[in-house]
């Protein structure tokens, strides 16, 4: 039997979201506040694990004129949903959206 660490177990569990990611990004807008907070937490973990940091420059390019890494289409869809959730009536949802944007949004 193979022993798997907690990070690898989390990666395997979150990988099950691949076919459902875009649908969850759309559906999070119509969930109730409690479900929105939980979904945002899970999607934030997913994005941090499977998408490259949009503020990171490609390796070996130290000059200031280098192009930033382009934002993937799926991540852009999630960022759009997060921006819409900033106007939520729930303070918890707004805070979860702000935290996710701080972690995931490009700096420009």
PDB file of N, CA and C in Angstrom:
ATOM      1  N   UNK A   1       0.844  -1.181   0.000  1.00  0.00           N
ATOM      2  CA  UNK A   1       0.000   0.000   0.000  1.00  0.00           C
ATOM      3  C   UNK A   1       0.886   1.239   0.000  1.00  0.00           C
ATOM      4  N   UNK A   2       0.463   2.198  -0.776  1.00  0.00           N
ATOM      5  CA  UNK A   2       1.222   3.442  -0.902  1.00  0.00           C
ATOM      6  C   UNK A   2       0.661   4.487   0.054  1.00  0.00           C
ATOM      7  N   UNK A   3       1.549   5.154   0.764  1.00  0.00           N
ATOM      8  CA  UNK A   3       1.151   6.204   1.685  1.00  0.00           C
ATOM      9  C   UNK A   3       1.201   7.536   0.932  1.00  0.00           C
ATOM     10  N   UNK A   4       0.097   8.261   0.978  1.00  0.00           N
ATOM     11  CA  UNK A   4       0.001   9.533   0.273  1.00  0.00           C
ATOM     12  C   UNK A   4      -0.090  10.650   1.308  1.00  0.00           C
ATOM     13  N   UNK A   5       0.707  11.696   1.099  1.00  0.00           N
ATOM     14  CA  UNK A   5       0.699  12.837   2.012  1.00  0.00           C
ATOM     15  C   UNK A   5      -0.567  13.664   1.858  1.00  0.00           C
ATOM     16  N   UNK A   6      -0.840  14.537   2.823  1.00  0.00           N
ATOM     17  CA  UNK A   6      -2.069  15.340   2.766  1.00  0.00           C
ATOM     18  C   UNK A   6      -2.138  16.279   1.571  1.00  0.00           C
ATOM     19  N   UNK A   7      -0.998  16.803   1.130  1.00  0.00           N
ATOM     20  CA  UNK A   7      -1.010  17.706  -0.028  1.00  0.00           C
ATOM     21  C   UNK A   7      -1.390  16.955  -1.294  1.00  0.00           C
ATOM     22  N   UNK A   8      -0.848  15.755  -1.456  1.00  0.00           N
ATOM     23  CA  UNK A   8      -1.179  14.960  -2.638  1.00  0.00           C
ATOM     24  C   UNK A   8      -2.629  14.488  -2.585  1.00  0.00           C
ATOM     25  N   UNK A   9      -3.121  14.166  -1.398  1.00  0.00           N
ATOM     26  CA  UNK A   9      -4.519  13.756  -1.263  1.00  0.00           C
ATOM     27  C   UNK A   9      -5.449  14.916  -1.631  1.00  0.00           C
ATOM     28  N   UNK A  10      -5.096  16.122  -1.218  1.00  0.00           N
ATOM     29  CA  UNK A  10      -5.899  17.295  -1.560  1.00  0.00           C
ATOM     30  C   UNK A  10      -5.881  17.525  -3.066  1.00  0.00           C
ATOM     31  N   UNK A  11      -4.727  17.376  -3.688  1.00  0.00           N
ATOM     32  CA  UNK A  11      -4.610  17.547  -5.143  1.00  0.00           C
ATOM     33  C   UNK A  11      -5.519  16.552  -5.874  1.00  0.00           C
ATOM     34  N   UNK A  12      -5.524  15.311  -5.428  1.00  0.00           N
ATOM     35  CA  UNK A  12      -6.350  14.281  -6.062  1.00  0.00           C
ATOM     36  C   UNK A  12      -7.830  14.600  -5.878  1.00  0.00           C
ATOM     37  N   UNK A  13      -8.209  15.027  -4.686  1.00  0.00           N
ATOM     38  CA  UNK A  13      -9.616  15.346  -4.433  1.00  0.00           C
ATOM     39  C   UNK A  13     -10.061  16.558  -5.242  1.00  0.00           C
ATOM     40  N   UNK A  14      -9.244  17.595  -5.303  1.00  0.00           N
ATOM     41  CA  UNK A  14      -9.619  18.791  -6.060  1.00  0.00           C
ATOM     42  C   UNK A  14      -9.586  18.551  -7.565  1.00  0.00           C
ATOM     43  N   UNK A  15      -8.815  17.571  -8.005  1.00  0.00           N
ATOM     44  CA  UNK A  15      -8.768  17.255  -9.435  1.00  0.00           C
ATOM     45  C   UNK A  15     -10.128  16.780  -9.942  1.00  0.00           C
ATOM     46  N   UNK A  16     -10.967  16.277  -9.057  1.00  0.00           N
ATOM     47  CA  UNK A  16     -12.312  15.840  -9.447  1.00  0.00           C
ATOM     48  C   UNK A  16     -13.192  17.025  -9.868  1.00  0.00           C
ATOM     49  N   UNK A  17     -12.772  18.242  -9.554  1.00  0.00           N
ATOM     50  CA  UNK A  17     -13.545  19.425  -9.938  1.00  0.00           C
ATOM     51  C   UNK A  17     -13.284  19.869 -11.378  1.00  0.00           C
ATOM     52  N   UNK A  18     -12.253  19.318 -12.033  1.00  0.00           N
ATOM     53  CA  UNK A  18     -11.901  19.761 -13.388  1.00  0.00           C
ATOM     54  C   UNK A  18     -13.114  19.861 -14.316  1.00  0.00           C
ATOM     55  N   UNK A  19     -13.918  18.810 -14.464  1.00  0.00           N
ATOM     56  CA  UNK A  19     -15.026  18.920 -15.429  1.00  0.00           C
ATOM     57  C   UNK A  19     -16.163  19.829 -14.966  1.00  0.00           C
ATOM     58  N   UNK A  20     -16.164  20.216 -13.700  1.00  0.00           N
ATOM     59  CA  UNK A  20     -17.272  20.999 -13.148  1.00  0.00           C
ATOM     60  C   UNK A  20     -16.902  22.442 -12.836  1.00  0.00           C
ATOM     61  N   UNK A  21     -15.653  22.833 -13.069  1.00  0.00           N
ATOM     62  CA  UNK A  21     -15.171  24.136 -12.623  1.00  0.00           C
ATOM     63  C   UNK A  21     -15.966  25.291 -13.217  1.00  0.00           C
ATOM     64  N   UNK A  22     -16.135  25.323 -14.529  1.00  0.00           N
ATOM     65  CA  UNK A  22     -16.846  26.444 -15.164  1.00  0.00           C
ATOM     66  C   UNK A  22     -18.287  26.532 -14.690  1.00  0.00           C
ATOM     67  N   UNK A  23     -18.913  25.386 -14.530  1.00  0.00           N
ATOM     68  CA  UNK A  23     -20.315  25.374 -14.075  1.00  0.00           C
ATOM     69  C   UNK A  23     -20.401  25.927 -12.652  1.00  0.00           C
ATOM     70  N   UNK A  24     -19.464  25.556 -11.793  1.00  0.00           N
ATOM     71  CA  UNK A  24     -19.462  26.076 -10.428  1.00  0.00           C
ATOM     72  C   UNK A  24     -19.230  27.589 -10.411  1.00  0.00           C
ATOM     73  N   UNK A  25     -18.393  28.082 -11.310  1.00  0.00           N
ATOM     74  CA  UNK A  25     -18.148  29.529 -11.388  1.00  0.00           C
ATOM     75  C   UNK A  25     -19.428  30.285 -11.728  1.00  0.00           C
ATOM     76  N   UNK A  26     -20.269  29.689 -12.541  1.00  0.00           N
ATOM     77  CA  UNK A  26     -21.545  30.313 -12.903  1.00  0.00           C
ATOM     78  C   UNK A  26     -22.579  30.126 -11.797  1.00  0.00           C
ATOM     79  N   UNK A  27     -22.645  28.923 -11.258  1.00  0.00           N
ATOM     80  CA  UNK A  27     -23.681  28.596 -10.276  1.00  0.00           C
ATOM     81  C   UNK A  27     -23.459  29.255  -8.920  1.00  0.00           C
ATOM     82  N   UNK A  28     -22.220  29.646  -8.614  1.00  0.00           N
ATOM     83  CA  UNK A  28     -21.956  30.264  -7.311  1.00  0.00           C
ATOM     84  C   UNK A  28     -22.746  31.562  -7.155  1.00  0.00           C
ATOM     85  N   UNK A  29     -23.110  32.181  -8.262  1.00  0.00           N
ATOM     86  CA  UNK A  29     -23.850  33.443  -8.205  1.00  0.00           C
ATOM     87  C   UNK A  29     -25.295  33.257  -7.737  1.00  0.00           C
ATOM     88  N   UNK A  30     -25.855  32.067  -7.885  1.00  0.00           N
ATOM     89  CA  UNK A  30     -27.259  31.843  -7.522  1.00  0.00           C
ATOM     90  C   UNK A  30     -27.413  30.979  -6.272  1.00  0.00           C
ATOM     91  N   UNK A  31     -26.319  30.622  -5.624  1.00  0.00           N
ATOM     92  CA  UNK A  31     -26.377  29.832  -4.382  1.00  0.00           C
ATOM     93  C   UNK A  31     -26.767  30.733  -3.221  1.00  0.00           C
ATOM     94  N   UNK A  32     -27.202  30.101  -2.124  1.00  0.00           N
ATOM     95  CA  UNK A  32     -27.452  30.899  -0.926  1.00  0.00           C
ATOM     96  C   UNK A  32     -26.104  31.287  -0.303  1.00  0.00           C
ATOM     97  N   UNK A  33     -26.129  32.194   0.640  1.00  0.00           N
ATOM     98  CA  UNK A  33     -24.901  32.786   1.171  1.00  0.00           C
ATOM     99  C   UNK A  33     -23.961  31.749   1.779  1.00  0.00           C
ATOM    100  N   UNK A  34     -24.494  30.784   2.521  1.00  0.00           N
ATOM    101  CA  UNK A  34     -23.644  29.768   3.147  1.00  0.00           C
ATOM    102  C   UNK A  34     -22.960  28.918   2.086  1.00  0.00           C
ATOM    103  N   UNK A  35     -23.707  28.520   1.069  1.00  0.00           N
ATOM    104  CA  UNK A  35     -23.130  27.707  -0.003  1.00  0.00           C
ATOM    105  C   UNK A  35     -22.108  28.506  -0.807  1.00  0.00           C
ATOM    106  N   UNK A  36     -22.359  29.810  -0.983  1.00  0.00           N
ATOM    107  CA  UNK A  36     -21.406  30.650  -1.699  1.00  0.00           C
ATOM    108  C   UNK A  36     -20.066  30.702  -0.973  1.00  0.00           C
ATOM    109  N   UNK A  37     -20.111  30.870   0.336  1.00  0.00           N
ATOM    110  CA  UNK A  37     -18.868  30.940   1.106  1.00  0.00           C
ATOM    111  C   UNK A  37     -18.083  29.639   0.997  1.00  0.00           C
ATOM    112  N   UNK A  38     -18.760  28.509   1.118  1.00  0.00           N
ATOM    113  CA  UNK A  38     -18.090  27.203   1.015  1.00  0.00           C
ATOM    114  C   UNK A  38     -17.545  26.982  -0.385  1.00  0.00           C
ATOM    115  N   UNK A  39     -18.333  27.317  -1.392  1.00  0.00           N
ATOM    116  CA  UNK A  39     -17.912  27.129  -2.781  1.00  0.00           C
ATOM    117  C   UNK A  39     -16.719  28.022  -3.107  1.00  0.00           C
ATOM    118  N   UNK A  40     -16.735  29.258  -2.642  1.00  0.00           N
ATOM    119  CA  UNK A  40     -15.604  30.161  -2.884  1.00  0.00           C
ATOM    120  C   UNK A  40     -14.326  29.626  -2.244  1.00  0.00           C
ATOM    121  N   UNK A  41     -14.447  29.062  -1.057  1.00  0.00           N
ATOM    122  CA  UNK A  41     -13.281  28.492  -0.386  1.00  0.00           C
ATOM    123  C   UNK A  41     -12.710  27.329  -1.194  1.00  0.00           C
ATOM    124  N   UNK A  42     -13.569  26.450  -1.666  1.00  0.00           N
ATOM    125  CA  UNK A  42     -13.112  25.294  -2.445  1.00  0.00           C
ATOM    126  C   UNK A  42     -12.510  25.740  -3.775  1.00  0.00           C
ATOM    127  N   UNK A  43     -13.190  26.675  -4.462  1.00  0.00           N
ATOM    128  CA  UNK A  43     -12.680  27.138  -5.748  1.00  0.00           C
ATOM    129  C   UNK A  43     -11.372  27.917  -5.589  1.00  0.00           C
ATOM    130  N   UNK A  44     -11.220  28.630  -4.495  1.00  0.00           N
ATOM    131  CA  UNK A  44      -9.953  29.318  -4.224  1.00  0.00           C
ATOM    132  C   UNK A  44      -8.826  28.304  -4.071  1.00  0.00           C
ATOM    133  N   UNK A  45      -9.063  27.254  -3.313  1.00  0.00           N
ATOM    134  CA  UNK A  45      -8.048  26.200  -3.143  1.00  0.00           C
ATOM    135  C   UNK A  45      -7.709  25.564  -4.486  1.00  0.00           C
ATOM    136  N   UNK A  46      -8.742  25.316  -5.290  1.00  0.00           N
ATOM    137  CA  UNK A  46      -8.547  24.722  -6.618  1.00  0.00           C
ATOM    138  C   UNK A  46      -7.670  25.636  -7.478  1.00  0.00           C
ATOM    139  N   UNK A  47      -7.992  26.911  -7.531  1.00  0.00           N
ATOM    140  CA  UNK A  47      -7.250  27.858  -8.372  1.00  0.00           C
ATOM    141  C   UNK A  47      -5.809  28.007  -7.916  1.00  0.00           C
ATOM    142  N   UNK A  48      -5.586  28.062  -6.636  1.00  0.00           N
ATOM    143  CA  UNK A  48      -4.221  28.220  -6.135  1.00  0.00           C
ATOM    144  C   UNK A  48      -3.372  26.992  -6.435  1.00  0.00           C
ATOM    145  N   UNK A  49      -4.027  25.838  -6.545  1.00  0.00           N
ATOM    146  CA  UNK A  49      -3.304  24.600  -6.806  1.00  0.00           C
ATOM    147  C   UNK A  49      -3.051  24.365  -8.293  1.00  0.00           C
ATOM    148  N   UNK A  50      -4.018  24.696  -9.142  1.00  0.00           N
ATOM    149  CA  UNK A  50      -3.939  24.306 -10.546  1.00  0.00           C
ATOM    150  C   UNK A  50      -3.651  25.442 -11.529  1.00  0.00           C
ATOM    151  N   UNK A  51      -3.700  26.691 -11.104  1.00  0.00           N
ATOM    152  CA  UNK A  51      -3.396  27.802 -12.004  1.00  0.00           C
ATOM    153  C   UNK A  51      -2.108  28.472 -11.561  1.00  0.00           C
ATOM    154  N   UNK A  52      -1.318  28.923 -12.533  1.00  0.00           N
ATOM    155  CA  UNK A  52      -0.083  29.646 -12.228  1.00  0.00           C
ATOM    156  C   UNK A  52      -0.439  31.025 -11.676  1.00  0.00           C
ATOM    157  N   UNK A  53       0.416  31.532 -10.829  1.00  0.00           N
ATOM    158  CA  UNK A  53       0.223  32.865 -10.272  1.00  0.00           C
ATOM    159  C   UNK A  53       0.273  33.896 -11.397  1.00  0.00           C
ATOM    160  N   UNK A  54      -0.776  34.721 -11.566  1.00  0.00           N
ATOM    161  CA  UNK A  54      -0.780  35.674 -12.677  1.00  0.00           C
ATOM    162  C   UNK A  54       0.245  36.795 -12.526  1.00  0.00           C
ATOM    163  N   UNK A  55       0.807  36.968 -11.345  1.00  0.00           N
ATOM    164  CA  UNK A  55       1.788  38.038 -11.126  1.00  0.00           C
ATOM    165  C   UNK A  55       3.217  37.562 -11.337  1.00  0.00           C
ATOM    166  N   UNK A  56       3.402  36.267 -11.510  1.00  0.00           N
ATOM    167  CA  UNK A  56       4.739  35.712 -11.668  1.00  0.00           C
ATOM    168  C   UNK A  56       5.194  35.865 -13.120  1.00  0.00           C
ATOM    169  N   UNK A  57       6.410  36.296 -13.294  1.00  0.00           N
ATOM    170  CA  UNK A  57       7.004  36.427 -14.634  1.00  0.00           C
ATOM    171  C   UNK A  57       7.557  35.063 -15.049  1.00  0.00           C
ATOM    172  N   UNK A  58       7.651  34.810 -16.347  1.00  0.00           N
ATOM    173  CA  UNK A  58       8.284  33.567 -16.796  1.00  0.00           C
ATOM    174  C   UNK A  58       9.714  33.469 -16.287  1.00  0.00           C
ATOM    175  N   UNK A  59      10.174  32.257 -16.025  1.00  0.00           N
ATOM    176  CA  UNK A  59      11.508  32.036 -15.460  1.00  0.00           C
ATOM    177  C   UNK A  59      12.585  32.579 -16.387  1.00  0.00           C
ATOM    178  N   UNK A  60      13.576  33.227 -15.801  1.00  0.00           N
ATOM    179  CA  UNK A  60      14.700  33.736 -16.573  1.00  0.00           C
ATOM    180  C   UNK A  60      14.491  35.124 -17.133  1.00  0.00           C
ATOM    181  N   UNK A  61      13.356  35.719 -16.875  1.00  0.00           N
ATOM    182  CA  UNK A  61      13.104  37.059 -17.393  1.00  0.00           C
ATOM    183  C   UNK A  61      13.047  38.034 -16.232  1.00  0.00           C
ATOM    184  N   UNK A  62      14.155  38.696 -15.974  1.00  0.00           N
ATOM    185  CA  UNK A  62      14.220  39.593 -14.846  1.00  0.00           C
ATOM    186  C   UNK A  62      13.930  41.044 -15.197  1.00  0.00           C
ATOM    187  N   UNK A  63      13.833  41.350 -16.498  1.00  0.00           N
ATOM    188  CA  UNK A  63      13.625  42.749 -16.872  1.00  0.00           C
ATOM    189  C   UNK A  63      12.189  43.198 -16.621  1.00  0.00           C
ATOM    190  N   UNK A  64      12.030  44.470 -16.406  1.00  0.00           N
ATOM    191  CA  UNK A  64      10.713  45.028 -16.075  1.00  0.00           C
ATOM    192  C   UNK A  64       9.780  45.073 -17.274  1.00  0.00           C
ATOM    193  N   UNK A  65      10.289  44.931 -18.484  1.00  0.00           N
ATOM    194  CA  UNK A  65       9.462  45.023 -19.676  1.00  0.00           C
ATOM    195  C   UNK A  65       8.881  43.672 -20.094  1.00  0.00           C
ATOM    196  N   UNK A  66       9.152  42.605 -19.355  1.00  0.00           N
ATOM    197  CA  UNK A  66       8.664  41.279 -19.707  1.00  0.00           C
ATOM    198  C   UNK A  66       7.145  41.221 -19.566  1.00  0.00           C
ATOM    199  N   UNK A  67       6.536  40.473 -20.449  1.00  0.00           N
ATOM    200  CA  UNK A  67       5.084  40.298 -20.418  1.00  0.00           C
ATOM    201  C   UNK A  67       4.705  39.410 -19.236  1.00  0.00           C
ATOM    202  N   UNK A  68       3.648  39.744 -18.490  1.00  0.00           N
ATOM    203  CA  UNK A  68       3.201  38.857 -17.421  1.00  0.00           C
ATOM    204  C   UNK A  68       2.560  37.606 -18.017  1.00  0.00           C
ATOM    205  N   UNK A  69       2.448  36.574 -17.194  1.00  0.00           N
ATOM    206  CA  UNK A  69       1.813  35.336 -17.624  1.00  0.00           C
ATOM    207  C   UNK A  69       0.346  35.631 -17.919  1.00  0.00           C
ATOM    208  N   UNK A  70      -0.185  35.223 -19.080  1.00  0.00           N
ATOM    209  CA  UNK A  70      -1.598  35.502 -19.388  1.00  0.00           C
ATOM    210  C   UNK A  70      -2.530  34.746 -18.446  1.00  0.00           C
ATOM    211  N   UNK A  71      -3.661  35.358 -18.141  1.00  0.00           N
ATOM    212  CA  UNK A  71      -4.643  34.744 -17.239  1.00  0.00           C
ATOM    213  C   UNK A  71      -5.452  33.722 -18.034  1.00  0.00           C
ATOM    214  N   UNK A  72      -5.495  32.465 -17.568  1.00  0.00           N
ATOM    215  CA  UNK A  72      -6.290  31.452 -18.275  1.00  0.00           C
ATOM    216  C   UNK A  72      -7.773  31.829 -18.306  1.00  0.00           C
ATOM    217  N   UNK A  73      -8.465  31.329 -19.301  1.00  0.00           N
ATOM    218  CA  UNK A  73      -9.878  31.661 -19.490  1.00  0.00           C
ATOM    219  C   UNK A  73     -10.733  31.217 -18.299  1.00  0.00           C
ATOM    220  N   UNK A  74     -10.442  30.039 -17.755  1.00  0.00           N
ATOM    221  CA  UNK A  74     -11.217  29.555 -16.606  1.00  0.00           C
ATOM    222  C   UNK A  74     -11.005  30.439 -15.379  1.00  0.00           C
ATOM    223  N   UNK A  75      -9.777  30.845 -15.149  1.00  0.00           N
ATOM    224  CA  UNK A  75      -9.492  31.727 -14.020  1.00  0.00           C
ATOM    225  C   UNK A  75     -10.162  33.077 -14.221  1.00  0.00           C
ATOM    226  N   UNK A  76     -10.168  33.575 -15.454  1.00  0.00           N
ATOM    227  CA  UNK A  76     -10.830  34.851 -15.746  1.00  0.00           C
ATOM    228  C   UNK A  76     -12.330  34.766 -15.463  1.00  0.00           C
ATOM    229  N   UNK A  77     -12.945  33.627 -15.760  1.00  0.00           N
ATOM    230  CA  UNK A  77     -14.376  33.442 -15.471  1.00  0.00           C
ATOM    231  C   UNK A  77     -14.630  33.470 -13.964  1.00  0.00           C
ATOM    232  N   UNK A  78     -13.735  32.844 -13.199  1.00  0.00           N
ATOM    233  CA  UNK A  78     -13.893  32.845 -11.747  1.00  0.00           C
ATOM    234  C   UNK A  78     -13.690  34.249 -11.187  1.00  0.00           C
ATOM    235  N   UNK A  79     -12.713  34.982 -11.704  1.00  0.00           N
ATOM    236  CA  UNK A  79     -12.480  36.353 -11.247  1.00  0.00           C
ATOM    237  C   UNK A  79     -13.684  37.243 -11.540  1.00  0.00           C
ATOM    238  N   UNK A  80     -14.323  37.024 -12.676  1.00  0.00           N
ATOM    239  CA  UNK A  80     -15.523  37.788 -13.022  1.00  0.00           C
ATOM    240  C   UNK A  80     -16.645  37.508 -12.017  1.00  0.00           C
ATOM    241  N   UNK A  81     -16.821  36.239 -11.652  1.00  0.00           N
ATOM    242  CA  UNK A  81     -17.833  35.883 -10.652  1.00  0.00           C
ATOM    243  C   UNK A  81     -17.510  36.504  -9.301  1.00  0.00           C
ATOM    244  N   UNK A  82     -16.230  36.512  -8.947  1.00  0.00           N
ATOM    245  CA  UNK A  82     -15.826  37.109  -7.674  1.00  0.00           C
ATOM    246  C   UNK A  82     -16.152  38.596  -7.636  1.00  0.00           C
ATOM    247  N   UNK A  83     -15.921  39.287  -8.738  1.00  0.00           N
ATOM    248  CA  UNK A  83     -16.214  40.724  -8.779  1.00  0.00           C
ATOM    249  C   UNK A  83     -17.704  40.984  -8.609  1.00  0.00           C
ATOM    250  N   UNK A  84     -18.540  40.106  -9.161  1.00  0.00           N
ATOM    251  CA  UNK A  84     -19.985  40.263  -8.991  1.00  0.00           C
ATOM    252  C   UNK A  84     -20.408  39.996  -7.546  1.00  0.00           C
ATOM    253  N   UNK A  85     -19.693  39.098  -6.867  1.00  0.00           N
ATOM    254  CA  UNK A  85     -20.040  38.768  -5.483  1.00  0.00           C
ATOM    255  C   UNK A  85     -19.587  39.844  -4.492  1.00  0.00           C
ATOM    256  N   UNK A  86     -18.804  40.801  -4.929  1.00  0.00           N
ATOM    257  CA  UNK A  86     -18.397  41.886  -4.029  1.00  0.00           C
ATOM    258  C   UNK A  86     -19.595  42.720  -3.580  1.00  0.00           C
ATOM    259  N   UNK A  87     -20.668  42.686  -4.339  1.00  0.00           N
ATOM    260  CA  UNK A  87     -21.882  43.453  -4.017  1.00  0.00           C
ATOM    261  C   UNK A  87     -22.908  42.609  -3.272  1.00  0.00           C
ATOM    262  N   UNK A  88     -22.505  41.479  -2.726  1.00  0.00           N
ATOM    263  CA  UNK A  88     -23.427  40.590  -2.024  1.00  0.00           C
ATOM    264  C   UNK A  88     -23.946  41.241  -0.744  1.00  0.00           C
ATOM    265  N   UNK A  89     -25.168  40.881  -0.369  1.00  0.00           N
ATOM    266  CA  UNK A  89     -25.743  41.377   0.882  1.00  0.00           C
ATOM    267  C   UNK A  89     -25.092  40.713   2.090  1.00  0.00           C
ATOM    268  N   UNK A  90     -24.474  39.566   1.877  1.00  0.00           N
ATOM    269  CA  UNK A  90     -23.817  38.835   2.968  1.00  0.00           C
ATOM    270  C   UNK A  90     -22.387  39.327   3.148  1.00  0.00           C
ATOM    271  N   UNK A  91     -22.060  39.724   4.353  1.00  0.00           N
ATOM    272  CA  UNK A  91     -20.702  40.183   4.646  1.00  0.00           C
ATOM    273  C   UNK A  91     -19.696  39.049   4.502  1.00  0.00           C
ATOM    274  N   UNK A  92     -20.117  37.833   4.842  1.00  0.00           N
ATOM    275  CA  UNK A  92     -19.222  36.679   4.717  1.00  0.00           C
ATOM    276  C   UNK A  92     -18.864  36.381   3.279  1.00  0.00           C
ATOM    277  N   UNK A  93     -19.848  36.491   2.385  1.00  0.00           N
ATOM    278  CA  UNK A  93     -19.596  36.259   0.960  1.00  0.00           C
ATOM    279  C   UNK A  93     -18.685  37.350   0.415  1.00  0.00           C
ATOM    280  N   UNK A  94     -18.941  38.586   0.793  1.00  0.00           N
ATOM    281  CA  UNK A  94     -18.101  39.691   0.333  1.00  0.00           C
ATOM    282  C   UNK A  94     -16.664  39.499   0.801  1.00  0.00           C
ATOM    283  N   UNK A  95     -16.485  39.111   2.049  1.00  0.00           N
ATOM    284  CA  UNK A  95     -15.139  38.886   2.581  1.00  0.00           C
ATOM    285  C   UNK A  95     -14.462  37.726   1.866  1.00  0.00           C
ATOM    286  N   UNK A  96     -15.183  36.637   1.616  1.00  0.00           N
ATOM    287  CA  UNK A  96     -14.609  35.493   0.904  1.00  0.00           C
ATOM    288  C   UNK A  96     -14.193  35.889  -0.513  1.00  0.00           C
ATOM    289  N   UNK A  97     -14.998  36.725  -1.173  1.00  0.00           N
ATOM    290  CA  UNK A  97     -14.667  37.185  -2.518  1.00  0.00           C
ATOM    291  C   UNK A  97     -13.426  38.078  -2.496  1.00  0.00           C
ATOM    292  N   UNK A  98     -13.328  38.947  -1.510  1.00  0.00           N
ATOM    293  CA  UNK A  98     -12.160  39.832  -1.388  1.00  0.00           C
ATOM    294  C   UNK A  98     -10.897  39.019  -1.154  1.00  0.00           C
ATOM    295  N   UNK A  99     -10.969  38.044  -0.273  1.00  0.00           N
ATOM    296  CA  UNK A  99      -9.802  37.198   0.007  1.00  0.00           C
ATOM    297  C   UNK A  99      -9.375  36.459  -1.260  1.00  0.00           C
ATOM    298  N   UNK A 100     -10.333  35.900  -1.981  1.00  0.00           N
ATOM    299  CA  UNK A 100     -10.008  35.173  -3.207  1.00  0.00           C
ATOM    300  C   UNK A 100      -9.398  36.107  -4.250  1.00  0.00           C
ATOM    301  N   UNK A 101      -9.933  37.306  -4.378  1.00  0.00           N
ATOM    302  CA  UNK A 101      -9.370  38.262  -5.329  1.00  0.00           C
ATOM    303  C   UNK A 101      -7.947  38.667  -4.943  1.00  0.00           C
ATOM    304  N   UNK A 102      -7.698  38.816  -3.654  1.00  0.00           N
ATOM    305  CA  UNK A 102      -6.346  39.169  -3.201  1.00  0.00           C
ATOM    306  C   UNK A 102      -5.337  38.071  -3.572  1.00  0.00           C
ATOM    307  N   UNK A 103      -5.755  36.829  -3.469  1.00  0.00           N
ATOM    308  CA  UNK A 103      -4.865  35.723  -3.807  1.00  0.00           C
ATOM    309  C   UNK A 103      -4.706  35.513  -5.308  1.00  0.00           C
ATOM    310  N   UNK A 104      -5.774  35.726  -6.082  1.00  0.00           N
ATOM    311  CA  UNK A 104      -5.798  35.268  -7.461  1.00  0.00           C
ATOM    312  C   UNK A 104      -5.691  36.354  -8.529  1.00  0.00           C
ATOM    313  N   UNK A 105      -6.122  37.571  -8.226  1.00  0.00           N
ATOM    314  CA  UNK A 105      -6.188  38.599  -9.262  1.00  0.00           C
ATOM    315  C   UNK A 105      -4.800  39.079  -9.661  1.00  0.00           C
ATOM    316  N   UNK A 106      -4.602  39.358 -10.940  1.00  0.00           N
ATOM    317  CA  UNK A 106      -3.324  39.934 -11.364  1.00  0.00           C
ATOM    318  C   UNK A 106      -3.140  41.320 -10.758  1.00  0.00           C
ATOM    319  N   UNK A 107      -1.914  41.740 -10.583  1.00  0.00           N
ATOM    320  CA  UNK A 107      -1.664  43.022  -9.922  1.00  0.00           C
ATOM    321  C   UNK A 107      -2.006  44.225 -10.790  1.00  0.00           C
ATOM    322  N   UNK A 108      -2.097  44.054 -12.102  1.00  0.00           N
ATOM    323  CA  UNK A 108      -2.409  45.204 -12.962  1.00  0.00           C
ATOM    324  C   UNK A 108      -3.869  45.393 -13.199  1.00  0.00           C
TER     325      UNK A 108
END
